[in-house]
């Protein structure tokens, strides 16, 4: 699996989530991804959470399978070396991925003058190039207002727009590579974080709902909009989420709980069609009133036993610790994961790419993040052909580390 993109070389100059995630997505599929940072690390190098020795678990998690080069990017000679790495020769090279301000030495014009088929993927905050981050984009999306139970907006902790933008960057780079393969032409591809949000809001139908129906989705707690779904407390203080979208799932829920007949009474009483997901949505409070005592009388383990093999669509709520301790999917029982020795941290449970390619045999995409700057000398020697004496001079001058 890690050989899929093995002939591709991508240079990444980035920080935080979106571009590093895009680069890691490509690296886990086999691309050689060289991340260039200033000496001492970029602004995300010590981002929380950190290990007891201060190593950022956030940084190591987002930079797995990459090579690391550190340069004095505040000095002309360091910037010149960075440009040389970005534009180095190779049929499947000449790719730059960044979410940092790209002007001057790192602007498309300057780099494409050195390599005319350069492909540059650049993430901005807003379409006009002004700054934005996930939180400042998310607050305008409508989702925090539709999350929770009303009153104040709720900011979820998942950086959804950064994650989506990172995957768009990886997809965009592969699309631009196909275009270059056909035409020989490079290009600058831009993605705005705000546009990722806006496209998603539109793709999910919320913009159309406003235009066509004049409707704004209200906050409804943990209810599933337009179908039946709600969370329930169990006897041992845990919570479970239950969803019934299809009629088969609805019938399975009634049978597994032994409440089919009582649930069927709701339709005539409320004059709704219980064989329609919209009808079940309208009757959600009545349905939940019937189901809640069943859950309250059982522990989470008893709920799991009752639903096992019954065709019920459900899941337990877990915090991160419970996820690691309880969920077999979050373990080496799942081929997604391997135990990997992460330098400066120790053994970690590390995911590879979620993409599965069974025809390629055993997965080999579980590689740790590099130590900051660990590949500097090798890249200078192998990619740029610098002799050891010159590399030594650059170290002495503080240009590389």
Protein backbone atom coordinates (compact mmCIF):
# COMPACT_ATOMS: atom_id res chain seq x y z
CA UNK A 1 0.00 0.00 0.00
CA UNK A 2 2.84 2.41 0.77
CA UNK A 3 4.12 1.92 -2.78
CA UNK A 4 1.08 3.42 -4.50
CA UNK A 5 2.63 6.90 -4.81
CA UNK A 6 6.25 5.85 -4.33
CA UNK A 7 7.46 7.78 -7.38
CA UNK A 8 5.95 11.08 -6.18
CA UNK A 9 8.02 13.72 -4.32
CA UNK A 10 6.16 16.50 -2.53
CA UNK A 11 7.63 19.34 -0.48
CA UNK A 12 5.53 20.68 2.37
CA UNK A 13 6.02 24.04 4.12
CA UNK A 14 3.25 24.17 6.65
CA UNK A 15 1.92 24.38 10.18
CA UNK A 16 -0.98 23.07 12.27
CA UNK A 17 -3.55 20.76 10.63
CA UNK A 18 -4.75 21.18 7.04
CA UNK A 19 -1.55 21.10 4.98
CA UNK A 20 0.24 18.66 7.32
CA UNK A 21 -2.74 16.32 7.08
CA UNK A 22 -2.74 16.64 3.29
CA UNK A 23 0.96 15.84 3.17
CA UNK A 24 0.61 12.91 5.55
CA UNK A 25 -2.25 11.50 3.48
CA UNK A 26 0.10 11.39 0.48
CA UNK A 27 3.04 10.09 2.54
CA UNK A 28 1.01 7.19 3.90
CA UNK A 29 0.23 6.22 0.32
CA UNK A 30 3.93 6.09 -0.45
CA UNK A 31 4.86 9.59 -1.62
CA UNK A 32 8.17 11.04 -0.48
CA UNK A 33 6.99 14.07 1.49
CA UNK A 34 9.73 16.43 2.65
CA UNK A 35 8.55 18.86 5.29
CA UNK A 36 10.69 22.01 5.54
CA UNK A 37 10.65 23.89 8.84
CA UNK A 38 12.64 26.79 10.25
CA UNK A 39 15.43 25.78 12.61
CA UNK A 40 13.86 25.01 15.98
CA UNK A 41 10.51 24.14 14.43
CA UNK A 42 7.51 26.06 13.17
CA UNK A 43 4.73 27.57 15.29
CA UNK A 44 3.03 24.18 15.66
CA UNK A 45 6.10 22.27 16.86
CA UNK A 46 5.20 22.44 20.58
CA UNK A 47 1.41 22.32 20.17
CA UNK A 48 -0.57 20.50 22.86
CA UNK A 49 -0.98 17.68 23.75
CA UNK A 50 2.66 17.07 24.66
CA UNK A 51 4.52 14.14 26.18
CA UNK A 52 6.18 14.56 29.62
CA UNK A 53 9.47 15.45 27.90
CA UNK A 54 7.77 18.26 25.95
CA UNK A 55 7.54 16.47 22.59
CA UNK A 56 4.33 17.45 20.83
CA UNK A 57 2.06 14.45 20.33
CA UNK A 58 0.01 16.67 18.04
CA UNK A 59 3.00 17.35 15.76
CA UNK A 60 4.16 13.76 15.65
CA UNK A 61 0.63 12.55 14.91
CA UNK A 62 0.22 14.86 11.89
CA UNK A 63 3.66 14.30 10.38
CA UNK A 64 3.96 10.53 10.24
CA UNK A 65 5.86 8.97 7.34
CA UNK A 66 7.48 12.27 6.26
CA UNK A 67 11.08 13.43 5.98
CA UNK A 68 12.14 16.51 7.95
CA UNK A 69 14.50 19.28 6.83
CA UNK A 70 15.26 22.38 8.92
CA UNK A 71 16.68 25.54 7.37
CA UNK A 72 17.31 29.14 8.39
CA UNK A 73 14.37 30.44 6.39
CA UNK A 74 14.97 33.94 7.70
CA UNK A 75 18.28 34.10 5.79
CA UNK A 76 18.78 34.35 2.02
CA UNK A 77 20.98 31.25 1.81
CA UNK A 78 18.43 29.16 3.72
CA UNK A 79 15.61 30.34 1.46
CA UNK A 80 17.74 29.58 -1.61
CA UNK A 81 18.22 25.99 -0.42
CA UNK A 82 14.48 25.66 0.23
CA UNK A 83 13.74 26.85 -3.29
CA UNK A 84 16.24 24.35 -4.67
CA UNK A 85 14.57 21.48 -2.79
CA UNK A 86 11.09 22.53 -3.94
CA UNK A 87 12.08 22.87 -7.59
CA UNK A 88 14.57 19.99 -7.79
CA UNK A 89 14.47 17.97 -10.99
CA UNK A 90 12.47 14.82 -11.44
CA UNK A 91 9.54 13.80 -13.61
CA UNK A 92 7.36 13.17 -10.57
CA UNK A 93 8.66 16.04 -8.46
CA UNK A 94 8.07 19.78 -8.35
CA UNK A 95 5.12 19.82 -5.94
CA UNK A 96 4.70 22.29 -3.08
CA UNK A 97 2.00 22.02 -0.43
CA UNK A 98 1.55 24.94 1.95
CA UNK A 99 -0.92 26.71 4.21
CA UNK A 100 1.50 29.51 5.11
CA UNK A 101 1.70 32.95 3.48
CA UNK A 102 3.18 32.27 0.04
CA UNK A 103 4.91 35.36 -1.27
CA UNK A 104 8.43 36.48 -2.06
CA UNK A 105 10.79 33.51 -2.20
CA UNK A 106 7.89 31.05 -1.71
CA UNK A 107 5.49 32.69 -4.14
CA UNK A 108 4.34 30.80 -7.21
CA UNK A 109 5.92 33.34 -9.55
CA UNK A 110 9.37 32.99 -7.99
CA UNK A 111 9.26 29.20 -7.82
CA UNK A 112 7.79 28.63 -11.28
CA UNK A 113 10.58 30.80 -12.71
CA UNK A 114 12.94 28.06 -11.50
CA UNK A 115 10.71 25.19 -12.64
CA UNK A 116 7.98 26.04 -15.13
CA UNK A 117 5.94 22.87 -14.51
CA UNK A 118 5.77 23.50 -10.75
CA UNK A 119 2.50 22.55 -9.07
CA UNK A 120 1.74 24.54 -5.96
CA UNK A 121 -1.17 23.76 -3.62
CA UNK A 122 -1.90 26.75 -1.41
CA UNK A 123 -4.47 26.97 1.37
CA UNK A 124 -5.74 30.40 2.43
CA UNK A 125 -8.25 31.40 5.09
CA UNK A 126 -10.77 33.35 3.02
CA UNK A 127 -11.22 33.58 -0.76
CA UNK A 128 -9.70 37.09 -0.73
CA UNK A 129 -6.54 35.72 0.88
CA UNK A 130 -7.20 37.14 4.35
CA UNK A 131 -6.52 35.05 7.42
CA UNK A 132 -8.94 32.60 8.98
CA UNK A 133 -8.69 29.45 11.09
CA UNK A 134 -11.10 26.61 11.70
CA UNK A 135 -12.80 28.32 14.64
CA UNK A 136 -13.32 31.62 12.82
CA UNK A 137 -14.71 29.81 9.79
CA UNK A 138 -16.86 27.41 11.79
CA UNK A 139 -18.61 30.14 13.75
CA UNK A 140 -20.07 31.53 10.52
CA UNK A 141 -21.11 28.13 9.14
CA UNK A 142 -24.40 27.80 10.97
CA UNK A 143 -23.39 24.54 12.61
CA UNK A 144 -22.58 25.97 16.07
CA UNK A 145 -26.05 27.58 16.10
CA UNK A 146 -27.68 24.27 15.16
CA UNK A 147 -25.65 22.31 17.74
CA UNK A 148 -26.75 21.82 21.31
CA UNK A 149 -30.18 22.67 22.68
CA UNK A 150 -30.48 26.36 21.90
CA UNK A 151 -29.29 29.51 23.59
CA UNK A 152 -25.57 30.00 23.12
CA UNK A 153 -23.71 28.51 20.13
CA UNK A 154 -21.64 25.37 20.69
CA UNK A 155 -18.17 25.06 19.15
CA UNK A 156 -17.36 21.40 18.62
CA UNK A 157 -13.73 20.43 19.24
CA UNK A 158 -13.33 18.54 15.95
CA UNK A 159 -11.47 20.83 13.46
CA UNK A 160 -13.76 19.63 10.69
CA UNK A 161 -12.87 22.29 8.12
CA UNK A 162 -9.12 21.78 8.61
CA UNK A 163 -9.55 18.03 8.15
CA UNK A 164 -11.71 18.45 5.06
CA UNK A 165 -9.31 21.06 3.63
CA UNK A 166 -6.35 18.72 4.11
CA UNK A 167 -8.07 15.99 2.15
CA UNK A 168 -9.05 18.49 -0.56
CA UNK A 169 -5.38 19.52 -0.80
CA UNK A 170 -4.28 15.92 -1.32
CA UNK A 171 -7.01 15.35 -3.91
CA UNK A 172 -6.19 18.61 -5.67
CA UNK A 173 -2.52 17.76 -5.90
CA UNK A 174 -3.26 14.40 -7.52
CA UNK A 175 -5.69 16.07 -9.95
CA UNK A 176 -3.10 18.72 -10.88
CA UNK A 177 -0.49 15.98 -11.34
CA UNK A 178 -2.78 14.23 -13.85
CA UNK A 179 -3.26 17.53 -15.69
CA UNK A 180 0.51 18.08 -15.83
CA UNK A 181 1.03 14.53 -17.06
CA UNK A 182 -1.37 15.21 -19.95
CA UNK A 183 -0.31 18.76 -20.82
CA UNK A 184 3.16 19.28 -19.32
CA UNK A 185 1.91 22.42 -17.56
CA UNK A 186 2.16 23.25 -13.90
CA UNK A 187 -0.21 25.53 -12.02
CA UNK A 188 -1.05 27.14 -8.71
CA UNK A 189 -4.06 25.52 -7.08
CA UNK A 190 -5.73 27.51 -4.31
CA UNK A 191 -8.17 26.37 -1.65
CA UNK A 192 -9.81 28.71 0.86
CA UNK A 193 -10.77 27.24 4.23
CA UNK A 194 -13.97 29.28 4.14
CA UNK A 195 -14.83 27.84 0.73
CA UNK A 196 -14.42 24.32 2.09
CA UNK A 197 -16.99 25.21 4.75
CA UNK A 198 -19.35 26.91 2.30
CA UNK A 199 -19.17 24.06 -0.19
CA UNK A 200 -20.00 21.59 2.56
CA UNK A 201 -22.96 23.60 3.84
CA UNK A 202 -24.24 23.75 0.27
CA UNK A 203 -23.54 20.10 -0.47
CA UNK A 204 -25.54 19.01 2.58
CA UNK A 205 -28.60 20.95 1.41
CA UNK A 206 -28.71 23.65 4.09
CA UNK A 207 -28.33 26.55 1.65
CA UNK A 208 -31.10 25.10 -0.50
CA UNK A 209 -33.33 24.75 2.57
CA UNK A 210 -33.00 28.47 3.22
CA UNK A 211 -33.58 29.39 -0.43
CA UNK A 212 -36.45 27.00 -1.17
CA UNK A 213 -38.21 26.70 2.18
CA UNK A 214 -37.10 29.82 4.03
CA UNK A 215 -36.12 27.41 6.80
CA UNK A 216 -33.22 27.56 9.24
CA UNK A 217 -32.40 24.33 11.01
CA UNK A 218 -32.94 24.77 14.76
CA UNK A 219 -30.81 23.24 17.52
CA UNK A 220 -32.28 19.95 18.67
CA UNK A 221 -29.77 18.48 21.07
CA UNK A 222 -28.80 14.95 20.09
CA UNK A 223 -31.88 14.26 17.98
CA UNK A 224 -31.31 13.15 14.40
CA UNK A 225 -32.79 15.74 12.06
CA UNK A 226 -35.43 14.34 9.69
CA UNK A 227 -35.38 10.78 11.06
CA UNK A 228 -35.37 9.04 14.42
CA UNK A 229 -32.25 9.12 16.55
CA UNK A 230 -31.57 10.03 20.17
CA UNK A 231 -29.23 9.33 23.06
CA UNK A 232 -30.29 7.47 26.19
CA UNK A 233 -28.90 7.10 29.70
CA UNK A 234 -28.20 3.59 30.94
CA UNK A 235 -28.40 2.14 34.45
CA UNK A 236 -24.63 2.42 34.97
CA UNK A 237 -24.36 6.10 34.07
CA UNK A 238 -23.29 5.59 30.46
CA UNK A 239 -25.10 6.79 27.33
CA UNK A 240 -25.98 5.16 24.03
CA UNK A 241 -27.03 6.63 20.69
CA UNK A 242 -29.78 4.85 18.77
CA UNK A 243 -30.67 5.57 15.14
CA UNK A 244 -33.46 4.16 13.00
CA UNK A 245 -33.45 5.57 9.48
CA UNK A 246 -34.76 2.66 7.46
CA UNK A 247 -37.91 0.67 8.20
CA UNK A 248 -35.75 -2.41 8.76
CA UNK A 249 -33.76 -0.60 11.45
CA UNK A 250 -36.99 0.65 13.01
CA UNK A 251 -38.47 -2.84 13.20
CA UNK A 252 -35.21 -4.23 14.57
CA UNK A 253 -35.23 -1.64 17.37
CA UNK A 254 -38.78 -2.57 18.39
CA UNK A 255 -38.05 -6.30 18.32
CA UNK A 256 -34.77 -6.08 20.27
CA UNK A 257 -36.35 -3.99 23.02
CA UNK A 258 -39.64 -5.93 23.06
CA UNK A 259 -41.50 -2.65 22.56
CA UNK A 260 -42.88 -3.15 19.04
CA UNK A 261 -46.53 -3.05 20.09
CA UNK A 262 -46.17 0.00 22.34
CA UNK A 263 -44.23 1.88 19.66
CA UNK A 264 -46.90 1.02 17.07
CA UNK A 265 -49.54 2.78 19.19
CA UNK A 266 -47.82 6.12 18.69
CA UNK A 267 -48.79 6.42 15.01
CA UNK A 268 -52.58 6.49 15.46
CA UNK A 269 -52.33 8.59 18.63
CA UNK A 270 -50.27 11.28 16.90
CA UNK A 271 -51.66 10.80 13.40
CA UNK A 272 -48.24 10.14 11.88
CA UNK A 273 -46.96 7.38 9.61
CA UNK A 274 -44.49 5.34 11.66
CA UNK A 275 -43.28 3.59 8.51
CA UNK A 276 -41.88 6.91 7.27
CA UNK A 277 -38.70 8.47 8.65
CA UNK A 278 -40.34 11.91 8.64
CA UNK A 279 -43.23 10.57 10.68
CA UNK A 280 -40.86 9.07 13.20
CA UNK A 281 -39.04 12.40 13.40
CA UNK A 282 -42.28 14.20 14.25
CA UNK A 283 -43.06 11.58 16.89
CA UNK A 284 -39.53 11.52 18.31
CA UNK A 285 -40.45 12.70 21.80
CA UNK A 286 -43.18 10.07 22.17
CA UNK A 287 -40.87 7.34 20.83
CA UNK A 288 -38.15 8.38 23.26
CA UNK A 289 -40.56 8.36 26.18
CA UNK A 290 -41.29 4.69 25.43
CA UNK A 291 -37.64 3.73 24.94
CA UNK A 292 -36.04 5.67 27.82
CA UNK A 293 -37.19 3.35 30.66
CA UNK A 294 -35.88 0.32 28.76
CA UNK A 295 -32.40 1.82 28.59
CA UNK A 296 -32.55 3.17 32.15
CA UNK A 297 -33.18 -0.37 33.44
CA UNK A 298 -30.08 -1.82 31.75
CA UNK A 299 -26.36 -1.33 31.91
CA UNK A 300 -24.45 -0.45 28.75
CA UNK A 301 -23.16 -4.03 28.60
CA UNK A 302 -26.72 -5.37 28.80
CA UNK A 303 -27.79 -3.00 26.02
CA UNK A 304 -24.92 -4.27 23.90
CA UNK A 305 -25.94 -7.88 24.51
CA UNK A 306 -29.56 -7.16 23.63
CA UNK A 307 -28.61 -5.44 20.37
CA UNK A 308 -25.87 -7.87 19.30
CA UNK A 309 -26.80 -9.35 15.92
CA UNK A 310 -30.28 -7.79 16.06
CA UNK A 311 -29.79 -5.29 13.24
CA UNK A 312 -30.17 -2.27 15.53
CA UNK A 313 -28.14 0.80 14.54
CA UNK A 314 -26.60 2.06 17.75
CA UNK A 315 -23.34 3.03 19.45
CA UNK A 316 -22.04 3.78 22.94
CA UNK A 317 -20.77 7.22 23.92
CA UNK A 318 -17.10 7.14 24.92
CA UNK A 319 -14.48 9.65 25.95
CA UNK A 320 -11.00 9.28 24.46
CA UNK A 321 -9.84 7.10 27.33
CA UNK A 322 -12.83 4.78 27.04
CA UNK A 323 -12.27 4.59 23.29
CA UNK A 324 -8.75 3.26 23.85
CA UNK A 325 -9.74 0.95 26.70
CA UNK A 326 -12.98 -0.51 25.34
CA UNK A 327 -13.21 -0.36 21.57
CA UNK A 328 -11.53 -3.22 19.70
CA UNK A 329 -11.64 -1.10 16.55
CA UNK A 330 -9.13 1.19 18.25
CA UNK A 331 -6.47 -1.49 18.64
CA UNK A 332 -4.15 -3.66 16.61
CA UNK A 333 -7.10 -6.01 16.09
CA UNK A 334 -7.99 -3.47 13.41
CA UNK A 335 -5.50 -3.54 10.48
CA UNK A 336 -5.63 0.27 10.53
CA UNK A 337 -3.35 0.26 13.59
CA UNK A 338 0.16 -0.86 14.46
CA UNK A 339 2.35 -0.37 17.52
CA UNK A 340 5.13 1.95 16.33
CA UNK A 341 8.17 3.27 18.17
CA UNK A 342 7.98 7.05 17.92
CA UNK A 343 11.39 8.70 18.52
CA UNK A 344 11.46 10.90 21.64
CA UNK A 345 8.08 9.49 22.78
CA UNK A 346 8.13 5.68 22.84
CA UNK A 347 5.67 3.05 21.58
CA UNK A 348 2.40 4.47 20.23
CA UNK A 349 -0.74 3.03 18.71
CA UNK A 350 -0.44 4.54 15.24
CA UNK A 351 -3.06 4.56 12.45
CA UNK A 352 -2.11 4.19 8.82
CA UNK A 353 -4.29 5.37 5.97
CA UNK A 354 -8.00 4.51 6.32
CA UNK A 355 -7.94 3.54 2.63
CA UNK A 356 -7.77 -0.21 2.12
CA UNK A 357 -6.26 -1.86 -0.95
CA UNK A 358 -6.55 -5.62 -0.26
CA UNK A 359 -5.08 -6.52 -3.62
CA UNK A 360 -1.73 -4.98 -2.61
CA UNK A 361 -1.15 -7.33 0.30
CA UNK A 362 -0.20 -6.43 3.86
CA UNK A 363 -0.29 -2.78 4.84
CA UNK A 364 3.11 -1.11 5.17
CA UNK A 365 2.03 2.50 5.77
CA UNK A 366 2.68 2.63 9.54
CA UNK A 367 5.73 4.84 9.89
CA UNK A 368 6.57 7.29 12.69
CA UNK A 369 7.03 11.02 12.38
CA UNK A 370 10.63 12.16 11.93
CA UNK A 371 12.70 13.90 14.55
CA UNK A 372 12.81 17.56 13.57
CA UNK A 373 15.52 18.03 10.96
CA UNK A 374 16.64 14.40 10.93
CA UNK A 375 16.75 14.19 7.12
CA UNK A 376 18.41 17.53 6.42
CA UNK A 377 21.86 16.19 5.54
CA UNK A 378 20.52 13.28 3.49
CA UNK A 379 18.22 15.53 1.43
CA UNK A 380 21.01 18.04 0.79
CA UNK A 381 23.35 15.28 -0.31
CA UNK A 382 20.98 13.01 -2.25
CA UNK A 383 18.59 15.55 -3.75
CA UNK A 384 20.83 18.59 -4.24
CA UNK A 385 24.14 16.74 -4.59
CA UNK A 386 25.96 18.84 -2.01
CA UNK A 387 29.30 17.40 -0.83
CA UNK A 388 29.86 16.72 2.87
CA UNK A 389 32.25 19.67 3.18
CA UNK A 390 29.61 22.08 1.93
CA UNK A 391 26.99 20.57 4.23
CA UNK A 392 29.44 21.00 7.11
CA UNK A 393 29.93 24.66 6.18
CA UNK A 394 26.16 25.20 6.17
CA UNK A 395 25.92 23.71 9.66
CA UNK A 396 28.76 25.89 10.92
CA UNK A 397 27.09 28.95 9.42
CA UNK A 398 23.74 28.12 11.05
CA UNK A 399 21.99 27.77 7.71
CA UNK A 400 20.88 24.15 8.30
CA UNK A 401 20.28 22.01 11.36
